């Protein structure tokens, strides 16, 4: 049975984190009603491992773009020292690397704020709040899906665009807000091409998920679980995460964000009702 619990948590992490389905909102409802053993739900080490599994899924699918950003950023730094780099001649990946760094600034600010005031803990046990945030995610998906597309690409991005998207991502630290959904929908609302918006949204997930590396010491909490069970959970997060990314690529290519929108709205209503009851 433990393997089944691990598998379910891995699926919830991979699908919920990388599909615009408000995965944390579902997890909050599961915690509230004790649908899975507390040994799994309250194990911080397992939580970190699952987040790293979702991160690995992004790296595996977008490895070419990630390597392009790393190589481009290094060559840009070298060009700056040599005095040969010109921003107007920057490559697509060099621009993406710079804008990704800019989009991370609001997330860093949110992390510093949480050290002073843990605002997420204040609302983490409130199902009504979580449900309303899931409804908000569905509404933002609807707005993004029906926004006018100006076919902007990464080359058309401005610093203000990346910082705005970073602010929306920082907002996704609240339970019930879909990180992938809010960044994707707002990028489309700004006028970016759907595929460019999707790619940059997943690039933004790298620092968001990678921040768990700073909690690596909590992996020691995994001692309360069998390592084989933790491995099953992590593998499920990686595999389901890859599937989620490929599914989103297909949905965006076919202009089909209707069902994720409806799902977020329906799930939000269900969680609100549970919160009232």
Protein backbone atom coordinates (compact mmCIF):
# COMPACT_ATOMS: atom_id res chain seq x y z
CA UNK A 1 0.00 0.00 0.00
CA UNK A 2 2.90 2.37 0.71
CA UNK A 3 4.02 2.05 -2.91
CA UNK A 4 0.53 3.06 -4.04
CA UNK A 5 0.61 6.14 -1.80
CA UNK A 6 4.02 7.08 -3.18
CA UNK A 7 2.80 6.60 -6.73
CA UNK A 8 -0.25 8.80 -6.14
CA UNK A 9 1.80 11.61 -4.61
CA UNK A 10 4.28 11.43 -7.49
CA UNK A 11 1.47 11.69 -10.03
CA UNK A 12 -0.07 14.61 -8.15
CA UNK A 13 3.26 16.43 -8.15
CA UNK A 14 4.20 15.81 -11.79
CA UNK A 15 0.77 16.49 -13.24
CA UNK A 16 -0.29 19.16 -10.77
CA UNK A 17 2.93 21.18 -10.92
CA UNK A 18 3.42 21.17 -14.69
CA UNK A 19 -0.16 21.15 -15.91
CA UNK A 20 -2.30 24.25 -15.17
CA UNK A 21 -4.45 22.26 -12.72
CA UNK A 22 -3.64 23.89 -9.37
CA UNK A 23 -1.77 20.88 -8.02
CA UNK A 24 -1.08 22.42 -4.62
CA UNK A 25 -4.76 23.14 -4.20
CA UNK A 26 -5.53 19.46 -4.65
CA UNK A 27 -2.78 18.54 -2.21
CA UNK A 28 -4.23 20.94 0.36
CA UNK A 29 -7.64 19.25 0.08
CA UNK A 30 -6.01 15.84 0.44
CA UNK A 31 -4.17 17.01 3.57
CA UNK A 32 -7.28 18.61 5.05
CA UNK A 33 -9.31 15.42 4.80
CA UNK A 34 -6.49 12.98 5.56
CA UNK A 35 -6.95 11.02 2.33
CA UNK A 36 -3.33 9.88 2.48
CA UNK A 37 -1.26 8.89 5.55
CA UNK A 38 0.34 11.76 7.45
CA UNK A 39 3.72 10.01 7.14
CA UNK A 40 3.60 10.87 3.42
CA UNK A 41 1.84 14.22 3.48
CA UNK A 42 3.93 15.70 6.29
CA UNK A 43 7.32 14.35 5.20
CA UNK A 44 9.31 17.39 4.10
CA UNK A 45 12.05 15.24 2.63
CA UNK A 46 9.59 13.50 0.32
CA UNK A 47 8.12 16.86 -0.69
CA UNK A 48 11.58 18.11 -1.71
CA UNK A 49 12.28 14.89 -3.62
CA UNK A 50 9.01 15.19 -5.54
CA UNK A 51 9.69 18.81 -6.47
CA UNK A 52 13.14 17.81 -7.71
CA UNK A 53 11.46 15.08 -9.77
CA UNK A 54 9.28 17.69 -11.47
CA UNK A 55 12.40 19.82 -12.03
CA UNK A 56 14.16 16.87 -13.68
CA UNK A 57 11.18 16.42 -16.01
CA UNK A 58 11.54 20.02 -17.23
CA UNK A 59 15.29 19.59 -17.69
CA UNK A 60 14.87 16.38 -19.70
CA UNK A 61 12.27 17.83 -22.08
CA UNK A 62 13.90 21.25 -22.54
CA UNK A 63 17.56 20.21 -22.29
CA UNK A 64 18.47 21.82 -25.63
CA UNK A 65 17.01 25.18 -24.65
CA UNK A 66 18.59 25.01 -21.19
CA UNK A 67 22.00 24.18 -22.62
CA UNK A 68 21.54 26.97 -25.17
CA UNK A 69 20.87 29.45 -22.36
CA UNK A 70 23.89 28.30 -20.34
CA UNK A 71 26.23 28.45 -23.34
CA UNK A 72 24.76 31.73 -24.53
CA UNK A 73 25.02 33.35 -21.11
CA UNK A 74 28.65 32.26 -20.71
CA UNK A 75 29.55 33.61 -24.17
CA UNK A 76 27.73 36.86 -23.33
CA UNK A 77 29.74 37.30 -20.13
CA UNK A 78 32.96 36.58 -22.05
CA UNK A 79 31.93 39.11 -24.70
CA UNK A 80 31.26 41.74 -22.04
CA UNK A 81 34.77 41.31 -20.61
CA UNK A 82 36.26 41.52 -24.09
CA UNK A 83 34.07 44.47 -25.03
CA UNK A 84 32.68 42.68 -28.08
CA UNK A 85 29.14 41.91 -26.92
CA UNK A 86 26.28 43.99 -28.33
CA UNK A 87 22.76 43.51 -26.95
CA UNK A 88 21.16 44.18 -30.34
CA UNK A 89 23.06 41.19 -31.67
CA UNK A 90 22.21 38.93 -28.74
CA UNK A 91 20.96 35.47 -29.67
CA UNK A 92 17.57 34.13 -28.73
CA UNK A 93 19.02 32.06 -25.89
CA UNK A 94 21.12 34.93 -24.56
CA UNK A 95 18.00 37.08 -24.34
CA UNK A 96 16.06 34.25 -22.74
CA UNK A 97 18.77 33.77 -20.10
CA UNK A 98 18.75 37.47 -19.16
CA UNK A 99 14.96 37.67 -19.05
CA UNK A 100 14.80 34.49 -16.98
CA UNK A 101 17.12 36.07 -14.42
CA UNK A 102 14.95 39.20 -14.33
CA UNK A 103 11.78 37.14 -13.89
CA UNK A 104 13.36 35.45 -10.87
CA UNK A 105 13.80 38.71 -8.93
CA UNK A 106 10.17 38.89 -7.66
CA UNK A 107 10.44 35.24 -6.57
CA UNK A 108 13.57 36.07 -4.56
CA UNK A 109 11.76 39.02 -2.99
CA UNK A 110 8.84 36.76 -2.08
CA UNK A 111 11.28 34.30 -0.49
CA UNK A 112 12.83 37.05 1.64
CA UNK A 113 9.37 38.23 2.66
CA UNK A 114 8.39 34.71 3.71
CA UNK A 115 11.39 34.63 6.05
CA UNK A 116 9.91 37.64 7.84
CA UNK A 117 6.20 36.86 7.46
CA UNK A 118 5.21 33.38 6.33
CA UNK A 119 2.09 34.48 4.48
CA UNK A 120 1.61 31.07 2.89
CA UNK A 121 1.32 29.42 6.31
CA UNK A 122 -1.42 31.90 7.22
CA UNK A 123 -3.72 30.62 4.48
CA UNK A 124 -2.44 27.09 3.86
CA UNK A 125 -5.14 25.48 5.97
CA UNK A 126 -7.99 27.57 4.60
CA UNK A 127 -9.89 25.57 1.99
CA UNK A 128 -12.10 28.55 1.11
CA UNK A 129 -9.05 30.62 0.21
CA UNK A 130 -7.52 27.74 -1.73
CA UNK A 131 -10.76 27.19 -3.65
CA UNK A 132 -11.06 30.86 -4.59
CA UNK A 133 -7.46 30.86 -5.81
CA UNK A 134 -8.21 27.82 -7.98
CA UNK A 135 -11.20 29.67 -9.42
CA UNK A 136 -8.91 32.64 -10.07
CA UNK A 137 -6.47 30.36 -11.90
CA UNK A 138 -9.28 29.12 -14.11
CA UNK A 139 -10.35 32.70 -14.83
CA UNK A 140 -6.83 33.73 -15.79
CA UNK A 141 -6.52 30.72 -18.08
CA UNK A 142 -9.74 31.80 -19.79
CA UNK A 143 -8.40 35.35 -20.22
CA UNK A 144 -5.08 34.14 -21.63
CA UNK A 145 -6.74 31.64 -23.95
CA UNK A 146 -8.97 34.35 -25.42
CA UNK A 147 -6.36 37.11 -25.63
CA UNK A 148 -5.25 38.63 -28.91
CA UNK A 149 -2.04 37.01 -30.09
CA UNK A 150 0.51 39.49 -31.45
CA UNK A 151 2.87 36.61 -32.33
CA UNK A 152 5.61 38.10 -30.17
CA UNK A 153 8.66 35.90 -29.71
CA UNK A 154 11.43 35.88 -27.09
CA UNK A 155 13.29 38.42 -29.23
CA UNK A 156 10.37 40.83 -28.76
CA UNK A 157 10.40 40.52 -24.97
CA UNK A 158 11.26 43.54 -22.85
CA UNK A 159 12.55 43.67 -19.26
CA UNK A 160 9.13 44.90 -18.10
CA UNK A 161 7.50 41.76 -19.57
CA UNK A 162 9.82 39.40 -17.71
CA UNK A 163 9.43 41.24 -14.40
CA UNK A 164 5.63 41.24 -14.71
CA UNK A 165 5.66 37.50 -15.39
CA UNK A 166 7.96 37.09 -12.39
CA UNK A 167 5.43 38.91 -10.20
CA UNK A 168 2.70 36.55 -11.34
CA UNK A 169 4.95 33.56 -10.59
CA UNK A 170 5.67 34.91 -7.10
CA UNK A 171 1.91 35.14 -6.60
CA UNK A 172 1.77 31.40 -7.36
CA UNK A 173 3.47 30.67 -4.02
CA UNK A 174 -0.03 30.94 -2.56
CA UNK A 175 -1.94 27.63 -2.27
CA UNK A 176 -4.43 27.06 -5.06
CA UNK A 177 -2.71 29.24 -7.67
CA UNK A 178 -1.40 27.31 -10.67
CA UNK A 179 2.17 28.43 -11.40
CA UNK A 180 2.22 27.07 -14.94
CA UNK A 181 -1.28 28.34 -15.60
CA UNK A 182 -0.77 31.89 -14.38
CA UNK A 183 2.56 32.45 -16.17
CA UNK A 184 1.36 30.87 -19.43
CA UNK A 185 -1.95 32.72 -19.49
CA UNK A 186 -0.41 36.10 -18.65
CA UNK A 187 2.32 35.69 -21.28
CA UNK A 188 -0.40 35.00 -23.86
CA UNK A 189 -2.36 37.97 -22.56
CA UNK A 190 0.68 40.17 -23.19
CA UNK A 191 0.58 39.09 -26.84
CA UNK A 192 3.27 36.41 -26.99
CA UNK A 193 2.99 33.50 -29.36
CA UNK A 194 1.52 30.49 -27.57
CA UNK A 195 4.54 28.25 -28.06
CA UNK A 196 6.97 30.99 -26.99
CA UNK A 197 4.80 31.69 -23.94
CA UNK A 198 4.76 27.99 -23.04
CA UNK A 199 8.53 27.60 -23.39
CA UNK A 200 9.30 30.66 -21.27
CA UNK A 201 6.74 29.56 -18.68
CA UNK A 202 8.54 26.25 -18.25
CA UNK A 203 11.93 27.98 -18.18
CA UNK A 204 10.57 30.06 -15.31
CA UNK A 205 9.77 26.84 -13.45
CA UNK A 206 13.50 26.05 -13.18
CA UNK A 207 14.29 28.58 -10.41
CA UNK A 208 10.83 28.05 -8.90
CA UNK A 209 11.37 24.29 -8.51
CA UNK A 210 15.13 24.62 -8.10
CA UNK A 211 14.65 26.66 -4.95
CA UNK A 212 13.96 23.31 -3.26
CA UNK A 213 17.70 22.59 -3.52
CA UNK A 214 18.15 25.01 -0.62
CA UNK A 215 16.01 22.69 1.46
CA UNK A 216 18.10 19.65 0.61
CA UNK A 217 18.93 19.10 4.28
CA UNK A 218 15.29 18.11 4.81
CA UNK A 219 15.93 15.01 2.72
CA UNK A 220 17.05 13.43 5.97
CA UNK A 221 13.36 13.24 6.87
CA UNK A 222 13.05 10.51 4.25
CA UNK A 223 14.41 8.14 6.85
CA UNK A 224 10.85 7.71 8.09
CA UNK A 225 9.96 6.08 4.76
CA UNK A 226 11.42 3.19 2.81
CA UNK A 227 13.83 4.42 0.14
CA UNK A 228 12.19 2.15 -2.40
CA UNK A 229 8.86 3.89 -1.76
CA UNK A 230 10.50 7.32 -2.10
CA UNK A 231 12.10 6.17 -5.36
CA UNK A 232 8.71 5.12 -6.74
CA UNK A 233 7.24 8.51 -5.81
CA UNK A 234 10.14 10.40 -7.43
CA UNK A 235 10.01 8.28 -10.59
CA UNK A 236 6.26 8.89 -10.86
CA UNK A 237 6.88 12.64 -10.54
CA UNK A 238 9.47 12.58 -13.33
CA UNK A 239 7.47 10.42 -15.74
CA UNK A 240 4.15 12.16 -15.14
CA UNK A 241 5.93 15.53 -15.38
CA UNK A 242 7.32 14.66 -18.80
CA UNK A 243 3.87 13.53 -19.89
CA UNK A 244 2.35 16.77 -18.57
CA UNK A 245 4.81 18.92 -20.53
CA UNK A 246 4.23 16.99 -23.76
CA UNK A 247 0.48 17.24 -23.25
CA UNK A 248 0.74 21.00 -22.75
CA UNK A 249 2.81 21.33 -25.91
CA UNK A 250 0.09 19.50 -27.82
CA UNK A 251 -2.72 21.53 -26.24
CA UNK A 252 -1.03 24.84 -27.00
CA UNK A 253 -0.25 23.81 -30.58
CA UNK A 254 -3.92 22.88 -31.07
CA UNK A 255 -5.29 25.94 -29.21
CA UNK A 256 -7.02 23.69 -26.70
CA UNK A 257 -6.83 25.19 -23.23
CA UNK A 258 -10.59 24.87 -22.77
CA UNK A 259 -10.47 21.71 -20.66
CA UNK A 260 -7.78 22.88 -18.20
CA UNK A 261 -9.82 26.06 -17.74
CA UNK A 262 -13.01 24.12 -17.03
CA UNK A 263 -11.17 21.72 -14.72
CA UNK A 264 -9.68 24.55 -12.61
CA UNK A 265 -13.09 26.18 -12.31
CA UNK A 266 -14.84 22.92 -11.37
CA UNK A 267 -12.11 21.91 -8.90
CA UNK A 268 -12.19 25.40 -7.38
CA UNK A 269 -15.96 25.20 -6.86
CA UNK A 270 -15.61 21.75 -5.29
CA UNK A 271 -12.91 22.93 -2.86
CA UNK A 272 -14.96 26.03 -1.93
CA UNK A 273 -17.95 23.80 -1.18
CA UNK A 274 -15.75 21.54 0.95
CA UNK A 275 -14.48 24.60 2.78
CA UNK A 276 -18.00 25.77 3.53
CA UNK A 277 -19.12 22.34 4.70
